[in-house]
Structures are given as structure tokens and as C-alpha cells.
Amino acid sequence: MKIEELALFLLGIFAFRFLTFEWWWFPVLLLTPDVGMLGYLFGNKTGAFVYNLFHHKGVALMVFLTGFYFSGEILQLMGIILFSHSALDRMLGYGLKYEKGFKFTHLGEIGGNEQRLRGNHEH
């Protein structure tokens, strides 16, 4: 799965090349979708919704395609950044969030694998 996400991240870099923005915009903007974590200031349910909105590849593709259809390069850039960031997150083991809490994702509990590898089975 990590190789697949790496390929999708590289696809984002490739798509960015077709825009007229300077190359440095990509790394500068890459972490901006994490602003979605601010939703957790309003509780787990709102936090999961807002976070997932900023980290869903389907949303990223809709934003990009809207920009492509209307020749809006800013929307295309937003879509590429959202998509690339989501692929990078998945590659690092961060998935879409469940309402139960920030560390509960569709890829498993954040930190759960590390605990099992160390033999720590506390719950």
C-alpha cells in the first residue's frame, strides 16, 4: 500500500508540473491541508468531519476537476495539493479519521502497530 501511495504522491508532483506556478509552491503548500485538524477544537465529531474533508482524495479530485473544467489554475493547485498531501499521509500511515478520536483511522489506530511490535499489548 505504501508503494501505491508513493506512486499517487509522484502523480501529484507530475500534475503540478503542468501548472504555471513556481516549483517551490508545491513544498510550501504541501502541509496546508493539516489546517483541517483545527476542527478538533470543536470535538471529535466535527474534527473528524473537517479533517476528512481536507484529506479525502475524492474531494481533492473534485476540486481539481472543477478547476480544470473552468480553467481555474488556483482550484487545480488546491486539488493537487489536497491529493498529494493525502497520498503522503497514507504513505506515512495516517488515514481518514473516525469520530471516536484523532488517533482512530481507517488504516488502524495511530501508534497501534508500534506498540504491538514492541510487545506492549496494553489497551
C-alpha atoms as a PDB file:
ATOM      1  CA  MET A   1       0.000   0.000   0.000  1.00  0.00           C
ATOM      2  CA  LYS A   2       2.846   2.397   0.746  1.00  0.00           C
ATOM      3  CA  ILE A   3       4.232   1.941  -2.774  1.00  0.00           C
ATOM      4  CA  GLU A   4       0.806   2.708  -4.227  1.00  0.00           C
ATOM      5  CA  GLU A   5       0.585   5.896  -2.158  1.00  0.00           C
ATOM      6  CA  LEU A   6       4.108   6.868  -3.209  1.00  0.00           C
ATOM      7  CA  ALA A   7       3.025   6.473  -6.836  1.00  0.00           C
ATOM      8  CA  LEU A   8      -0.006   8.703  -6.187  1.00  0.00           C
ATOM      9  CA  PHE A   9       2.202  11.296  -4.483  1.00  0.00           C
ATOM     10  CA  LEU A  10       4.512  11.278  -7.521  1.00  0.00           C
ATOM     11  CA  LEU A  11       1.431  11.660  -9.727  1.00  0.00           C
ATOM     12  CA  GLY A  12       0.625  14.826  -7.788  1.00  0.00           C
ATOM     13  CA  ILE A  13       4.122  16.177  -8.439  1.00  0.00           C
ATOM     14  CA  PHE A  14       3.757  15.279 -12.119  1.00  0.00           C
ATOM     15  CA  ALA A  15       0.380  17.061 -12.358  1.00  0.00           C
ATOM     16  CA  PHE A  16       1.820  20.129 -10.622  1.00  0.00           C
ATOM     17  CA  ARG A  17       4.388  20.440 -13.414  1.00  0.00           C
ATOM     18  CA  PHE A  18       1.598  21.413 -15.837  1.00  0.00           C
ATOM     19  CA  LEU A  19       0.650  24.468 -13.796  1.00  0.00           C
ATOM     20  CA  THR A  20       2.383  27.817 -14.180  1.00  0.00           C
ATOM     21  CA  PHE A  21       3.341  28.167 -10.505  1.00  0.00           C
ATOM     22  CA  GLU A  22       6.987  28.178  -9.445  1.00  0.00           C
ATOM     23  CA  TRP A  23       8.232  24.773  -8.197  1.00  0.00           C
ATOM     24  CA  TRP A  24       8.641  25.978  -4.595  1.00  0.00           C
ATOM     25  CA  TRP A  25       4.871  26.448  -4.192  1.00  0.00           C
ATOM     26  CA  PHE A  26       4.443  22.676  -4.003  1.00  0.00           C
ATOM     27  CA  PRO A  27       6.575  22.063  -0.881  1.00  0.00           C
ATOM     28  CA  VAL A  28       5.402  25.313   0.740  1.00  0.00           C
ATOM     29  CA  LEU A  29       1.718  24.379   0.401  1.00  0.00           C
ATOM     30  CA  LEU A  30       2.034  20.625   0.918  1.00  0.00           C
ATOM     31  CA  LEU A  31       1.206  20.662   4.642  1.00  0.00           C
ATOM     32  CA  THR A  32      -1.604  23.258   4.461  1.00  0.00           C
ATOM     33  CA  PRO A  33      -4.400  20.627   4.415  1.00  0.00           C
ATOM     34  CA  ASP A  34      -3.483  19.862   8.022  1.00  0.00           C
ATOM     35  CA  VAL A  35      -5.358  23.042   8.923  1.00  0.00           C
ATOM     36  CA  GLY A  36      -8.282  20.588   8.988  1.00  0.00           C
ATOM     37  CA  MET A  37      -7.029  19.425  12.391  1.00  0.00           C
ATOM     38  CA  LEU A  38      -8.430  22.647  13.824  1.00  0.00           C
ATOM     39  CA  GLY A  39     -11.861  21.032  13.597  1.00  0.00           C
ATOM     40  CA  TYR A  40     -10.895  19.012  16.664  1.00  0.00           C
ATOM     41  CA  LEU A  41     -11.194  22.211  18.701  1.00  0.00           C
ATOM     42  CA  PHE A  42     -14.963  21.639  18.384  1.00  0.00           C
ATOM     43  CA  GLY A  43     -14.962  17.973  19.395  1.00  0.00           C
ATOM     44  CA  ASN A  44     -14.244  14.596  17.824  1.00  0.00           C
ATOM     45  CA  LYS A  45     -17.267  14.508  15.511  1.00  0.00           C
ATOM     46  CA  THR A  46     -16.625  17.932  13.992  1.00  0.00           C
ATOM     47  CA  GLY A  47     -12.892  17.279  13.985  1.00  0.00           C
ATOM     48  CA  ALA A  48     -13.218  14.038  12.065  1.00  0.00           C
ATOM     49  CA  PHE A  49     -15.572  15.649   9.527  1.00  0.00           C
ATOM     50  CA  VAL A  50     -13.365  18.682   8.862  1.00  0.00           C
ATOM     51  CA  TYR A  51     -10.142  16.661   8.873  1.00  0.00           C
ATOM     52  CA  ASN A  52     -11.594  14.114   6.438  1.00  0.00           C
ATOM     53  CA  LEU A  53     -12.891  16.878   4.170  1.00  0.00           C
ATOM     54  CA  PHE A  54      -9.321  18.146   3.790  1.00  0.00           C
ATOM     55  CA  HIS A  55      -7.846  14.647   3.434  1.00  0.00           C
ATOM     56  CA  HIS A  56     -10.261  12.835   1.117  1.00  0.00           C
ATOM     57  CA  LYS A  57      -8.865  12.085  -2.328  1.00  0.00           C
ATOM     58  CA  GLY A  58     -12.355  12.212  -3.843  1.00  0.00           C
ATOM     59  CA  VAL A  59     -12.770  15.798  -2.622  1.00  0.00           C
ATOM     60  CA  ALA A  60      -9.301  16.610  -3.957  1.00  0.00           C
ATOM     61  CA  LEU A  61     -10.200  15.229  -7.388  1.00  0.00           C
ATOM     62  CA  MET A  62     -13.489  17.165  -7.450  1.00  0.00           C
ATOM     63  CA  VAL A  63     -11.651  20.405  -6.625  1.00  0.00           C
ATOM     64  CA  PHE A  64      -9.036  19.722  -9.296  1.00  0.00           C
ATOM     65  CA  LEU A  65     -11.580  18.751 -11.962  1.00  0.00           C
ATOM     66  CA  THR A  66     -13.684  21.825 -11.212  1.00  0.00           C
ATOM     67  CA  GLY A  67     -10.579  23.933 -11.727  1.00  0.00           C
ATOM     68  CA  PHE A  68      -9.728  22.050 -14.903  1.00  0.00           C
ATOM     69  CA  TYR A  69     -13.250  22.457 -16.310  1.00  0.00           C
ATOM     70  CA  PHE A  70     -13.380  26.187 -15.570  1.00  0.00           C
ATOM     71  CA  SER A  71      -9.674  26.770 -16.372  1.00  0.00           C
ATOM     72  CA  GLY A  72      -9.102  27.886 -12.801  1.00  0.00           C
ATOM     73  CA  GLU A  73      -5.489  27.238 -12.012  1.00  0.00           C
ATOM     74  CA  ILE A  74      -5.904  28.074  -8.308  1.00  0.00           C
ATOM     75  CA  LEU A  75      -8.533  25.314  -7.947  1.00  0.00           C
ATOM     76  CA  GLN A  76      -6.303  22.925  -9.861  1.00  0.00           C
ATOM     77  CA  LEU A  77      -3.447  23.774  -7.496  1.00  0.00           C
ATOM     78  CA  MET A  78      -5.693  23.252  -4.471  1.00  0.00           C
ATOM     79  CA  GLY A  79      -6.808  19.870  -5.804  1.00  0.00           C
ATOM     80  CA  ILE A  80      -3.249  18.744  -6.491  1.00  0.00           C
ATOM     81  CA  ILE A  81      -2.076  19.825  -3.037  1.00  0.00           C
ATOM     82  CA  LEU A  82      -5.020  18.115  -1.309  1.00  0.00           C
ATOM     83  CA  PHE A  83      -4.448  14.933  -3.324  1.00  0.00           C
ATOM     84  CA  SER A  84      -0.674  14.881  -2.835  1.00  0.00           C
ATOM     85  CA  HIS A  85      -0.945  15.595   0.881  1.00  0.00           C
ATOM     86  CA  SER A  86      -3.475  12.786   1.312  1.00  0.00           C
ATOM     87  CA  ALA A  87      -1.207  10.345  -0.519  1.00  0.00           C
ATOM     88  CA  LEU A  88       1.731  11.397   1.653  1.00  0.00           C
ATOM     89  CA  ASP A  89      -0.343  10.960   4.814  1.00  0.00           C
ATOM     90  CA  ARG A  90      -1.462   7.470   3.756  1.00  0.00           C
ATOM     91  CA  MET A  91       2.121   6.565   2.923  1.00  0.00           C
ATOM     92  CA  LEU A  92       3.063   7.556   6.496  1.00  0.00           C
ATOM     93  CA  GLY A  93       0.170   5.584   7.988  1.00  0.00           C
ATOM     94  CA  TYR A  94      -2.270   8.434   8.666  1.00  0.00           C
ATOM     95  CA  GLY A  95      -5.757   7.691   7.419  1.00  0.00           C
ATOM     96  CA  LEU A  96      -9.198   9.222   7.441  1.00  0.00           C
ATOM     97  CA  LYS A  97     -10.465   9.749  10.962  1.00  0.00           C
ATOM     98  CA  TYR A  98     -13.268   8.077  12.863  1.00  0.00           C
ATOM     99  CA  GLU A  99     -15.418  10.107  15.250  1.00  0.00           C
ATOM    100  CA  LYS A 100     -14.020   8.113  18.179  1.00  0.00           C
ATOM    101  CA  GLY A 101     -10.884  10.297  18.266  1.00  0.00           C
ATOM    102  CA  PHE A 102      -7.960  11.635  16.267  1.00  0.00           C
ATOM    103  CA  LYS A 103      -5.810   8.514  16.556  1.00  0.00           C
ATOM    104  CA  PHE A 104      -8.545   6.194  15.209  1.00  0.00           C
ATOM    105  CA  THR A 105      -8.290   5.961  11.421  1.00  0.00           C
ATOM    106  CA  HIS A 106      -9.434   3.748   8.572  1.00  0.00           C
ATOM    107  CA  LEU A 107      -5.850   2.441   8.431  1.00  0.00           C
ATOM    108  CA  GLY A 108      -5.878   1.474  12.104  1.00  0.00           C
ATOM    109  CA  GLU A 109      -5.001   3.166  15.337  1.00  0.00           C
ATOM    110  CA  ILE A 110      -2.128   5.632  15.088  1.00  0.00           C
ATOM    111  CA  GLY A 111       0.685   4.222  17.193  1.00  0.00           C
ATOM    112  CA  GLY A 112      -1.013   0.830  17.484  1.00  0.00           C
ATOM    113  CA  ASN A 113       1.474  -1.001  15.256  1.00  0.00           C
ATOM    114  CA  GLU A 114       4.467   0.371  17.122  1.00  0.00           C
ATOM    115  CA  GLN A 115       3.063  -0.873  20.436  1.00  0.00           C
ATOM    116  CA  ARG A 116       2.440  -4.360  19.043  1.00  0.00           C
ATOM    117  CA  LEU A 117       5.940  -4.524  17.574  1.00  0.00           C
ATOM    118  CA  ARG A 118       7.428  -3.716  20.979  1.00  0.00           C
ATOM    119  CA  GLY A 119       5.315  -6.376  22.632  1.00  0.00           C
ATOM    120  CA  ASN A 120       3.248  -3.864  24.583  1.00  0.00           C
ATOM    121  CA  HIS A 121      -0.323  -5.167  24.496  1.00  0.00           C
ATOM    122  CA  GLU A 122      -1.857  -2.691  26.945  1.00  0.00           C
ATOM    123  CA  HIS A 123      -5.240  -1.309  25.928  1.00  0.00           C
END
